[in-house]
Protein backbone atom coordinates (compact mmCIF):
# COMPACT_ATOMS: atom_id res chain seq x y z
CA MET A 1 0.01 -0.08 0.00
CA SER A 2 1.34 3.40 -1.00
CA VAL A 3 1.66 6.27 1.60
CA ASP A 4 -0.97 8.26 -0.51
CA THR A 5 -3.50 5.30 -0.22
CA ALA A 6 -2.86 5.03 3.52
CA ILE A 7 -3.29 8.78 3.92
CA ARG A 8 -6.57 8.73 1.88
CA SER A 9 -7.75 5.58 3.88
CA LEU A 10 -7.00 7.34 7.11
CA HIS A 11 -8.90 10.52 6.11
CA LEU A 12 -12.08 8.32 5.05
CA ILE A 13 -11.91 6.40 8.39
CA CYS A 14 -11.71 9.40 10.52
CA ALA A 15 -14.64 11.10 8.28
CA ALA A 16 -16.67 7.94 9.19
CA ILE A 17 -15.80 8.35 12.87
CA TRP A 18 -16.91 11.91 12.90
CA ALA A 19 -20.18 11.42 10.80
CA GLY A 20 -21.00 8.38 12.27
CA GLY A 21 -20.48 9.60 15.75
CA LEU A 22 -22.88 12.57 15.24
CA VAL A 23 -25.50 10.17 13.97
CA PHE A 24 -24.83 7.91 17.04
CA LEU A 25 -25.15 10.83 19.34
CA GLY A 26 -28.43 11.97 17.98
CA ALA A 27 -29.88 8.47 18.18
CA SER A 28 -28.47 7.99 21.64
CA VAL A 29 -30.42 11.05 23.05
CA GLY A 30 -33.66 9.76 22.08
CA VAL A 31 -33.01 6.50 23.58
CA ILE A 32 -31.59 7.98 26.87
CA ARG A 33 -34.63 10.33 27.10
CA ALA A 34 -37.03 7.24 26.67
CA THR A 35 -35.18 4.92 29.19
CA ILE A 36 -33.27 6.82 31.82
CA PRO A 37 -35.47 9.14 33.95
CA GLU A 38 -34.49 12.59 34.64
CA GLY A 39 -32.00 12.81 37.25
CA PRO A 40 -28.32 12.91 38.23
CA GLN A 41 -27.76 9.49 36.29
CA ARG A 42 -29.05 10.98 32.91
CA ILE A 43 -27.18 14.30 33.52
CA ALA A 44 -23.95 12.18 33.99
CA LEU A 45 -24.71 10.01 31.01
CA PHE A 46 -25.18 13.05 28.61
CA ARG A 47 -22.04 14.67 30.05
CA ALA A 48 -20.01 11.44 29.59
CA LEU A 49 -21.17 10.99 26.00
CA GLY A 50 -20.50 14.45 25.16
CA ARG A 51 -17.08 14.58 26.57
CA ARG A 52 -16.13 11.08 25.02
CA PHE A 53 -17.39 12.48 21.56
CA LEU A 54 -15.42 15.71 21.99
CA LEU A 55 -12.31 13.53 22.53
CA VAL A 56 -12.75 10.90 19.88
CA GLY A 57 -14.27 13.32 17.55
CA GLY A 58 -11.70 15.99 18.13
CA ILE A 59 -8.89 13.34 17.39
CA ALA A 60 -10.72 12.47 14.27
CA MET A 61 -11.07 16.04 13.18
CA LEU A 62 -7.42 16.68 13.83
CA VAL A 63 -6.41 13.74 11.67
CA LEU A 64 -8.85 14.83 9.04
CA ILE A 65 -7.23 18.22 8.95
CA ALA A 66 -3.78 16.71 8.70
CA THR A 67 -4.64 14.06 6.15
CA GLY A 68 -6.84 16.56 4.19
CA THR A 69 -3.81 19.13 4.12
CA ASP A 70 -1.51 16.59 2.88
CA MET A 71 -4.12 15.44 0.10
CA ALA A 72 -4.55 19.15 -0.81
CA THR A 73 -0.94 19.85 -1.30
CA ASP A 74 -0.79 16.97 -3.87
CA ARG A 75 -3.35 18.80 -6.01
CA LEU A 76 -2.68 22.53 -5.39
CA ALA A 77 0.65 24.22 -6.63
CA SER A 78 -0.09 27.36 -4.79
CA TRP A 79 -2.47 29.14 -2.44
CA SER A 80 -3.95 30.99 -5.34
CA ASP A 81 -5.09 27.65 -6.69
CA LEU A 82 -7.70 27.69 -3.96
CA SER A 83 -9.59 30.43 -5.83
CA GLU A 84 -8.45 29.86 -9.35
CA THR A 85 -9.09 25.97 -10.01
CA ASP A 86 -12.18 24.22 -9.91
CA TYR A 87 -10.80 21.76 -7.44
CA GLY A 88 -9.38 24.60 -5.30
CA LYS A 89 -12.92 26.34 -5.23
CA ARG A 90 -14.57 23.04 -4.29
CA LEU A 91 -12.00 22.51 -1.49
CA SER A 92 -12.47 26.23 -0.24
CA ASP A 93 -16.19 25.69 0.17
CA LYS A 94 -15.44 22.42 2.01
CA LEU A 95 -12.83 24.22 4.30
CA ALA A 96 -15.53 26.92 5.04
CA LEU A 97 -17.95 24.16 6.24
CA VAL A 98 -15.30 22.54 8.19
CA VAL A 99 -14.63 25.85 9.94
CA VAL A 100 -18.35 26.33 10.81
CA VAL A 101 -18.45 22.88 12.10
CA ILE A 102 -15.46 23.24 14.49
CA ALA A 103 -17.00 26.47 15.69
CA LEU A 104 -20.34 25.14 16.28
CA THR A 105 -18.85 22.06 17.95
CA LEU A 106 -16.57 24.21 20.24
CA PHE A 107 -19.70 26.46 21.06
CA HIS A 108 -21.89 23.62 22.11
CA SER A 109 -19.06 21.68 23.94
CA LEU A 110 -17.79 24.67 25.81
CA VAL A 111 -20.82 26.89 26.32
CA GLN A 112 -24.05 25.17 25.74
CA GLY A 113 -23.50 21.82 27.17
CA PRO A 114 -21.95 22.92 30.38
CA ALA A 115 -24.67 25.55 30.64
CA LEU A 116 -27.36 22.94 30.36
CA THR A 117 -25.79 20.57 32.84
CA ARG A 118 -25.85 23.48 35.37
CA LEU A 119 -29.40 24.16 34.72
CA ARG A 120 -30.37 20.49 34.91
CA THR A 121 -28.56 20.01 38.08
CA ARG A 122 -30.32 22.90 39.59
CA ALA A 123 -33.60 21.62 38.35
CA LEU A 124 -32.95 18.55 40.45
CA GLU A 125 -33.00 20.86 43.58
CA THR A 126 -36.10 22.80 42.52
CA PRO A 127 -38.12 20.32 40.39
CA ASP A 128 -41.37 22.50 40.43
CA ASP A 129 -39.78 25.80 39.19
CA PRO A 130 -41.75 26.35 35.84
CA GLU A 131 -39.40 29.17 34.93
CA LEU A 132 -36.39 27.00 35.21
CA ALA A 133 -37.99 24.20 33.24
CA ALA A 134 -38.89 26.86 30.55
CA THR A 135 -35.19 27.94 30.54
CA ILE A 136 -34.02 24.30 30.22
CA ARG A 137 -36.53 23.73 27.40
CA ARG A 138 -35.43 26.69 25.32
CA LYS A 139 -31.68 26.21 25.73
CA SER A 140 -32.09 22.46 24.82
CA ILE A 141 -33.97 23.44 21.72
CA ARG A 142 -31.31 25.86 20.92
CA ALA A 143 -28.49 23.11 21.42
CA GLY A 144 -30.54 20.80 19.15
CA ILE A 145 -30.56 23.37 16.61
CA VAL A 146 -26.78 23.90 16.92
CA ASN A 147 -26.19 19.84 16.69
CA GLY A 148 -28.82 19.82 13.69
CA LEU A 149 -26.60 22.37 12.00
CA VAL A 150 -23.31 20.52 12.93
CA LEU A 151 -24.85 17.38 11.10
CA LEU A 152 -26.16 19.45 8.20
CA CYS A 153 -22.83 20.92 7.63
CA THR A 154 -21.14 17.47 8.00
CA LEU A 155 -23.51 16.16 5.39
CA GLY A 156 -22.44 19.23 3.26
CA ILE A 157 -18.79 18.39 3.69
CA LEU A 158 -19.28 14.79 2.81
CA VAL A 159 -20.98 15.82 -0.55
CA LEU A 160 -18.43 18.29 -1.29
CA ALA A 161 -15.64 15.58 -0.59
CA ALA A 162 -17.44 13.36 -3.04
CA ARG A 163 -17.14 16.01 -5.57
CA LEU A 164 -13.56 16.64 -5.09
CA VAL A 165 -12.80 12.93 -5.98
CA SER A 166 -15.12 12.64 -9.04
CA PRO A 167 -13.54 13.75 -12.48
């Protein structure tokens, strides 16, 4: 196996880990909500899943960036090729979505997720607080929208990636 084949294979494996991990997380949320009652165990499970995906997905994303950079240098002679060639333009579109995915993921992981954990923990102490429940619902919907956007952008990246390898 050539080095180029190994790099391309690693890139595809990490893309599968990232995209598959997002789908798994989405499916898991529904299962967890249906089977584990609200409480500290459910909060801990959501937190553990989020942190584990941040680690595994983060490593996959770093490998994607490294292997993608290597593959791009094989096809682009200079930085200007990003705006002057068809391949470069498609790659630029893909890179823009990658930046959006990373930004949204970091926003959810560093801001939204921890805030929801704090609110849900507070709700355990005051379960009859309708204002707190409404805040949790609102913030959960926003987090769902952000996660939906991450998945949508990821699908866009996969479509653009397929277009990069087609003639």
